[in-house]
């Protein structure tokens, strides 16, 4: 049985620490016995006590320190305890780290990754459940990735550091206990593979990857739910959906995402963030600009409601994206011909 996502992240960090003596992990409560709020760093401080450092509660200070290490030629990975709090480091990300690659008269590598446990469905309430990815879309010099059950995090993190550009890695909290690869989200009705340069996009399909009624594009946190919706659509409505899950949200991997969408002619993009300036909206714009002549229906976007996220589970469900919302969007797109 495949390891869980949290174990895959832990092993990825362990491998990176062993390979790069200049890599430092920074964040609140990373040191054992706590090992981070979600236990991603458990066991690392015992082996590298001088490079796995628990910090004071100051996200701006943590990311600023990590940016300084990166500027000095080292590598740094920061854990923000909850991604909501990355807002406190926005200045360091927007005005220092992302700009430092290009504002000194020569190219300066910035090997910096900020890890952000993200999203709701855990009952953590308004300030611990948000999906703030959209606030970082389009910042020059900054890359955005999201953990998925299909992408090995050692390759993802190694690639982010090797790119020499600061990046944010969003980790949907509900994924931590999910099994990696087919054990986690794909049953015997589906197959999956990785497409594009370096396998950056996971593709889940039925029978023939070249044939589908609709393409459903989602970030990693919604991967399992999107496949569950695709299963229900197939069995109950005879609608064949292909699911695409990009590892990198920004910049968009347009060249990999567009061909499957063009073949289907219909696309739904779903994400847990609220609407407005999102990754999904950028995808819709790219699809519209490049495939306007071949689309069989308008691009459909699915977001969470424009409201604060409650703590109570029955109220939380009225705000966050539900599987029924995605199911309804696909049926409307397919029946709209």
Protein backbone atom coordinates (compact mmCIF):
# COMPACT_ATOMS: atom_id res chain seq x y z
CA UNK A 1 0.00 0.00 0.00
CA UNK A 2 1.32 3.43 -0.95
CA UNK A 3 2.45 5.86 1.71
CA UNK A 4 0.20 8.70 2.81
CA UNK A 5 0.72 12.21 1.46
CA UNK A 6 2.07 13.41 4.82
CA UNK A 7 4.62 10.58 4.80
CA UNK A 8 5.59 11.38 1.22
CA UNK A 9 6.21 15.01 2.18
CA UNK A 10 8.25 13.94 5.19
CA UNK A 11 10.40 11.60 3.11
CA UNK A 12 10.83 14.29 0.47
CA UNK A 13 12.14 16.76 3.04
CA UNK A 14 14.39 14.07 4.53
CA UNK A 15 15.91 13.31 1.12
CA UNK A 16 16.41 16.98 0.30
CA UNK A 17 18.10 17.63 3.65
CA UNK A 18 20.45 14.70 3.05
CA UNK A 19 21.29 15.84 -0.49
CA UNK A 20 21.79 19.55 0.25
CA UNK A 21 23.88 20.52 3.29
CA UNK A 22 22.94 24.16 2.62
CA UNK A 23 19.20 23.57 3.10
CA UNK A 24 17.48 24.89 6.24
CA UNK A 25 13.90 24.18 7.39
CA UNK A 26 12.21 26.98 9.31
CA UNK A 27 8.81 27.31 10.97
CA UNK A 28 6.79 27.30 14.15
CA UNK A 29 7.05 24.13 16.27
CA UNK A 30 8.98 22.12 13.67
CA UNK A 31 11.32 20.54 16.21
CA UNK A 32 10.44 17.18 17.77
CA UNK A 33 8.55 15.96 19.64
CA UNK A 34 5.93 18.20 17.99
CA UNK A 35 7.26 17.86 14.44
CA UNK A 36 5.05 20.58 12.96
CA UNK A 37 1.31 21.14 13.30
CA UNK A 38 0.58 18.33 10.81
CA UNK A 39 3.68 16.22 11.60
CA UNK A 40 5.30 16.82 8.20
CA UNK A 41 8.69 17.51 9.79
CA UNK A 42 8.54 14.76 12.41
CA UNK A 43 11.91 13.10 12.99
CA UNK A 44 13.98 15.61 11.01
CA UNK A 45 15.28 17.79 13.85
CA UNK A 46 16.89 14.81 15.56
CA UNK A 47 19.11 14.18 12.55
CA UNK A 48 19.74 17.83 11.61
CA UNK A 49 19.31 19.84 14.82
CA UNK A 50 21.25 22.81 13.43
CA UNK A 51 19.21 22.99 10.21
CA UNK A 52 15.64 22.26 11.36
CA UNK A 53 14.72 25.28 13.43
CA UNK A 54 11.60 26.21 15.36
CA UNK A 55 10.97 29.94 15.21
CA UNK A 56 9.02 32.61 17.06
CA UNK A 57 5.46 33.31 15.89
CA UNK A 58 6.29 35.85 13.22
CA UNK A 59 5.52 34.81 9.65
CA UNK A 60 7.08 37.97 8.26
CA UNK A 61 10.24 37.31 10.23
CA UNK A 62 10.40 33.64 9.26
CA UNK A 63 10.01 34.27 5.54
CA UNK A 64 12.32 37.27 5.71
CA UNK A 65 15.03 35.16 7.34
CA UNK A 66 14.53 32.40 4.77
CA UNK A 67 14.71 34.94 1.96
CA UNK A 68 17.99 36.21 3.38
CA UNK A 69 19.41 32.68 3.42
CA UNK A 70 18.33 32.22 -0.21
CA UNK A 71 19.83 35.56 -1.21
CA UNK A 72 23.12 34.46 0.38
CA UNK A 73 23.19 31.36 -1.83
CA UNK A 74 21.69 28.79 0.52
CA UNK A 75 18.34 26.98 0.30
CA UNK A 76 15.40 27.38 2.65
CA UNK A 77 11.99 25.77 3.12
CA UNK A 78 9.49 27.50 5.40
CA UNK A 79 6.41 25.95 6.96
CA UNK A 80 3.54 28.35 7.57
CA UNK A 81 1.43 26.63 10.23
CA UNK A 82 -1.83 27.53 8.44
CA UNK A 83 -1.80 29.13 5.00
CA UNK A 84 -4.13 31.88 6.25
CA UNK A 85 -1.11 33.31 8.08
CA UNK A 86 0.96 33.64 4.91
CA UNK A 87 -0.77 37.01 4.56
CA UNK A 88 1.53 38.20 7.36
CA UNK A 89 4.51 37.40 5.11
CA UNK A 90 3.02 38.94 1.96
CA UNK A 91 5.44 41.87 1.94
CA UNK A 92 8.46 39.58 2.21
CA UNK A 93 7.15 37.43 -0.66
CA UNK A 94 5.91 40.23 -2.92
CA UNK A 95 8.50 42.92 -2.36
CA UNK A 96 11.62 40.98 -1.41
CA UNK A 97 11.86 37.33 -2.36
CA UNK A 98 10.11 37.41 -5.73
CA UNK A 99 11.91 40.57 -6.84
CA UNK A 100 15.36 39.52 -5.66
CA UNK A 101 15.85 37.22 -8.65
CA UNK A 102 16.00 40.20 -11.02
CA UNK A 103 16.66 43.57 -9.36
CA UNK A 104 20.41 43.48 -8.70
CA UNK A 105 21.68 43.84 -12.26
CA UNK A 106 22.15 40.11 -12.75
CA UNK A 107 20.18 36.92 -12.31
CA UNK A 108 20.19 35.86 -8.63
CA UNK A 109 18.90 32.37 -7.79
CA UNK A 110 16.45 32.39 -4.88
CA UNK A 111 16.06 28.80 -3.64
CA UNK A 112 13.13 29.38 -1.33
CA UNK A 113 9.91 27.37 -0.85
CA UNK A 114 7.09 28.44 1.47
CA UNK A 115 4.86 25.49 2.43
CA UNK A 116 1.25 26.39 3.16
CA UNK A 117 -1.25 23.92 4.73
CA UNK A 118 -4.46 25.04 3.09
CA UNK A 119 -8.22 24.68 2.86
CA UNK A 120 -11.28 23.77 4.85
CA UNK A 121 -13.39 20.71 5.64
CA UNK A 122 -11.61 20.29 8.96
CA UNK A 123 -13.77 22.53 11.16
CA UNK A 124 -10.93 24.95 11.89
CA UNK A 125 -13.00 28.07 11.34
CA UNK A 126 -12.70 31.40 9.50
CA UNK A 127 -8.99 32.13 9.96
CA UNK A 128 -7.61 28.59 9.62
CA UNK A 129 -9.50 27.23 6.62
CA UNK A 130 -8.96 29.53 3.67
CA UNK A 131 -7.43 28.85 0.25
CA UNK A 132 -5.37 31.99 -0.48
CA UNK A 133 -3.71 30.83 -3.71
CA UNK A 134 -5.34 33.56 -5.79
CA UNK A 135 -3.63 36.33 -3.86
CA UNK A 136 -0.25 35.21 -5.26
CA UNK A 137 -1.23 34.55 -8.89
CA UNK A 138 0.65 36.76 -11.32
CA UNK A 139 3.46 37.99 -9.06
CA UNK A 140 6.55 38.20 -11.30
CA UNK A 141 9.26 35.75 -10.28
CA UNK A 142 6.97 33.66 -8.05
CA UNK A 143 5.77 30.12 -8.75
CA UNK A 144 2.76 28.39 -7.19
CA UNK A 145 2.43 24.62 -6.79
CA UNK A 146 -0.15 22.46 -5.06
CA UNK A 147 0.38 19.02 -3.56
CA UNK A 148 -1.57 16.22 -5.22
CA UNK A 149 -1.84 12.47 -4.62
CA UNK A 150 -0.24 11.87 -8.03
CA UNK A 151 2.95 13.91 -7.81
CA UNK A 152 5.93 12.72 -5.77
CA UNK A 153 6.85 15.59 -3.48
CA UNK A 154 10.57 14.90 -3.65
CA UNK A 155 10.47 15.72 -7.36
CA UNK A 156 8.15 18.68 -6.83
CA UNK A 157 10.23 20.28 -4.07
CA UNK A 158 13.54 19.50 -5.76
CA UNK A 159 12.25 21.08 -8.96
CA UNK A 160 11.05 24.19 -7.15
CA UNK A 161 14.43 24.70 -5.47
CA UNK A 162 16.39 23.95 -8.64
CA UNK A 163 14.40 26.55 -10.58
CA UNK A 164 16.01 29.27 -8.51
CA UNK A 165 12.72 31.15 -8.13
CA UNK A 166 10.85 31.49 -4.85
CA UNK A 167 7.70 29.40 -4.74
CA UNK A 168 4.69 28.60 -2.61
CA UNK A 169 3.62 24.99 -2.13
CA UNK A 170 -0.02 24.71 -1.08
CA UNK A 171 -0.92 21.52 0.80
CA UNK A 172 -4.62 20.85 1.20
CA UNK A 173 -4.96 19.60 4.77
CA UNK A 174 -7.49 16.91 3.89
CA UNK A 175 -4.85 15.27 1.67
CA UNK A 176 -2.41 14.53 4.48
CA UNK A 177 -4.03 11.19 5.31
CA UNK A 178 -4.75 10.27 1.67
CA UNK A 179 -2.72 7.49 0.09
CA UNK A 180 -0.42 8.41 -2.77
CA UNK A 181 -0.99 7.36 -6.39
CA UNK A 182 -3.73 4.92 -7.39
CA UNK A 183 -4.18 3.74 -3.79
CA UNK A 184 -5.44 7.18 -2.85
CA UNK A 185 -8.02 8.30 -5.40
CA UNK A 186 -8.21 6.04 -8.49
CA UNK A 187 -10.27 2.83 -8.50
CA UNK A 188 -10.48 0.11 -11.13
CA UNK A 189 -12.77 2.16 -13.37
CA UNK A 190 -10.00 4.62 -14.11
CA UNK A 191 -6.41 4.80 -15.20
CA UNK A 192 -3.99 7.64 -14.74
CA UNK A 193 -0.70 8.86 -16.14
CA UNK A 194 1.50 11.93 -15.97
CA UNK A 195 1.75 14.15 -19.04
CA UNK A 196 3.68 17.22 -20.07
CA UNK A 197 7.26 18.25 -19.33
CA UNK A 198 8.53 16.35 -16.28
CA UNK A 199 5.06 14.83 -15.77
CA UNK A 200 3.66 18.08 -14.44
CA UNK A 201 0.00 17.24 -15.07
CA UNK A 202 -1.78 14.11 -13.83
CA UNK A 203 -4.42 12.79 -16.22
CA UNK A 204 -7.18 10.45 -15.01
CA UNK A 205 -9.23 8.80 -17.75
CA UNK A 206 -11.62 6.01 -18.71
CA UNK A 207 -10.74 3.54 -21.51
CA UNK A 208 -9.23 6.06 -23.95
CA UNK A 209 -7.36 9.21 -22.88
CA UNK A 210 -8.17 10.78 -26.25
CA UNK A 211 -11.94 10.54 -25.74
CA UNK A 212 -14.09 12.33 -23.15
CA UNK A 213 -17.28 14.35 -22.97
CA UNK A 214 -15.80 16.94 -20.64
CA UNK A 215 -12.47 17.78 -19.03
CA UNK A 216 -12.47 18.60 -15.32
CA UNK A 217 -9.40 20.59 -14.25
CA UNK A 218 -8.71 20.86 -10.52
CA UNK A 219 -5.79 21.60 -8.19
CA UNK A 220 -4.39 18.76 -6.12
CA UNK A 221 -6.61 19.31 -3.10
CA UNK A 222 -9.73 18.51 -5.13
CA UNK A 223 -8.22 15.59 -7.05
CA UNK A 224 -9.92 12.81 -5.11
CA UNK A 225 -13.25 14.57 -5.07
CA UNK A 226 -13.07 15.28 -8.81
CA UNK A 227 -12.38 11.62 -9.56
CA UNK A 228 -15.33 10.65 -7.32
CA UNK A 229 -17.55 13.03 -9.30
CA UNK A 230 -16.24 11.59 -12.58
CA UNK A 231 -17.10 8.11 -11.31
CA UNK A 232 -20.65 9.11 -10.41
CA UNK A 233 -21.15 10.90 -13.74
CA UNK A 234 -20.00 7.80 -15.60
CA UNK A 235 -22.16 5.32 -13.69
CA UNK A 236 -25.29 7.40 -13.25
CA UNK A 237 -25.32 9.74 -16.24
CA UNK A 238 -23.13 7.99 -18.82
CA UNK A 239 -20.91 11.10 -19.03
CA UNK A 240 -17.22 10.41 -19.57
CA UNK A 241 -15.01 12.91 -17.75
CA UNK A 242 -11.27 13.24 -17.91
CA UNK A 243 -9.65 14.81 -14.84
CA UNK A 244 -6.50 16.93 -15.12
CA UNK A 245 -4.50 17.81 -12.00
CA UNK A 246 -1.55 20.19 -12.54
CA UNK A 247 1.25 20.22 -10.01
CA UNK A 248 2.17 23.80 -10.92
CA UNK A 249 -0.67 26.28 -10.74
CA UNK A 250 1.33 29.33 -11.82
CA UNK A 251 2.67 29.99 -14.34
CA UNK A 252 -0.01 27.95 -16.11
CA UNK A 253 1.22 24.90 -18.00
CA UNK A 254 -0.95 25.92 -20.95
CA UNK A 255 0.73 23.71 -23.55
CA UNK A 256 -0.08 20.57 -21.54
CA UNK A 257 -3.58 21.51 -20.40
CA UNK A 258 -5.06 22.78 -23.66
CA UNK A 259 -4.83 19.73 -26.00
CA UNK A 260 -7.11 17.47 -23.87
CA UNK A 261 -9.54 20.38 -23.45
CA UNK A 262 -9.55 21.01 -27.19
CA UNK A 263 -10.39 17.37 -27.92
CA UNK A 264 -13.34 17.37 -25.52
CA UNK A 265 -14.54 20.87 -26.35
CA UNK A 266 -15.96 21.27 -22.85
CA UNK A 267 -14.18 22.14 -19.62
CA UNK A 268 -15.03 22.77 -15.96
CA UNK A 269 -12.39 24.21 -13.61
CA UNK A 270 -13.11 23.79 -9.90
CA UNK A 271 -11.19 25.18 -6.92
CA UNK A 272 -11.89 25.76 -3.25
CA UNK A 273 -11.03 29.46 -3.22
CA UNK A 274 -13.66 32.15 -3.66
CA UNK A 275 -14.16 33.64 -7.13
CA UNK A 276 -12.21 36.61 -8.45
CA UNK A 277 -8.67 36.69 -9.83
CA UNK A 278 -8.11 32.97 -9.33
CA UNK A 279 -6.02 30.28 -10.99
CA UNK A 280 -9.22 28.93 -12.51
CA UNK A 281 -10.11 32.31 -13.99
CA UNK A 282 -6.65 32.52 -15.58
CA UNK A 283 -7.15 29.05 -17.03
CA UNK A 284 -10.54 30.10 -18.41
CA UNK A 285 -8.97 33.14 -20.07
CA UNK A 286 -6.26 31.00 -21.68
CA UNK A 287 -8.83 28.47 -22.90
CA UNK A 288 -11.04 31.24 -24.29
CA UNK A 289 -8.17 32.94 -26.09
CA UNK A 290 -6.69 29.80 -27.62
CA UNK A 291 -9.72 27.54 -28.17
CA UNK A 292 -12.62 29.92 -28.83
CA UNK A 293 -13.27 28.40 -32.24
CA UNK A 294 -13.38 24.79 -31.05
CA UNK A 295 -15.21 24.96 -27.71
CA UNK A 296 -18.63 23.30 -27.65
CA UNK A 297 -19.72 25.17 -24.49
CA UNK A 298 -18.53 28.13 -22.41
CA UNK A 299 -15.85 27.45 -19.82
CA UNK A 300 -17.49 26.81 -16.45
CA UNK A 301 -15.86 27.80 -13.14
CA UNK A 302 -16.79 26.40 -9.71
CA UNK A 303 -15.75 28.20 -6.51
CA UNK A 304 -16.64 28.38 -2.85
CA UNK A 305 -19.28 30.88 -1.80
CA UNK A 306 -18.35 34.51 -1.20
CA UNK A 307 -18.65 34.17 2.57
CA UNK A 308 -16.56 33.66 5.69
CA UNK A 309 -15.93 29.98 6.44
CA UNK A 310 -17.83 28.83 9.57
CA UNK A 311 -16.49 26.34 12.09
CA UNK A 312 -19.58 24.14 12.45
CA UNK A 313 -19.46 21.31 9.91
CA UNK A 314 -23.04 21.71 8.71
CA UNK A 315 -22.47 25.41 8.06
CA UNK A 316 -18.99 24.91 6.58
CA UNK A 317 -20.56 22.69 3.92
CA UNK A 318 -22.83 25.54 2.80
CA UNK A 319 -19.81 27.71 1.98
CA UNK A 320 -17.11 25.43 0.59
CA UNK A 321 -17.30 23.74 -2.80
CA UNK A 322 -19.18 20.45 -2.64
CA UNK A 323 -19.04 17.45 -4.97
CA UNK A 324 -22.63 18.20 -5.97
CA UNK A 325 -21.55 21.64 -7.22
CA UNK A 326 -18.95 20.08 -9.51
CA UNK A 327 -21.37 17.37 -10.63
CA UNK A 328 -24.01 19.96 -11.52
CA UNK A 329 -21.52 22.12 -13.44
CA UNK A 330 -20.37 19.21 -15.62
CA UNK A 331 -23.95 18.15 -16.39
CA UNK A 332 -24.88 21.69 -17.37
CA UNK A 333 -21.86 22.04 -19.64
CA UNK A 334 -22.49 18.70 -21.34
CA UNK A 335 -26.24 19.23 -21.77
CA UNK A 336 -25.78 22.77 -23.06
CA UNK A 337 -25.00 21.77 -26.67
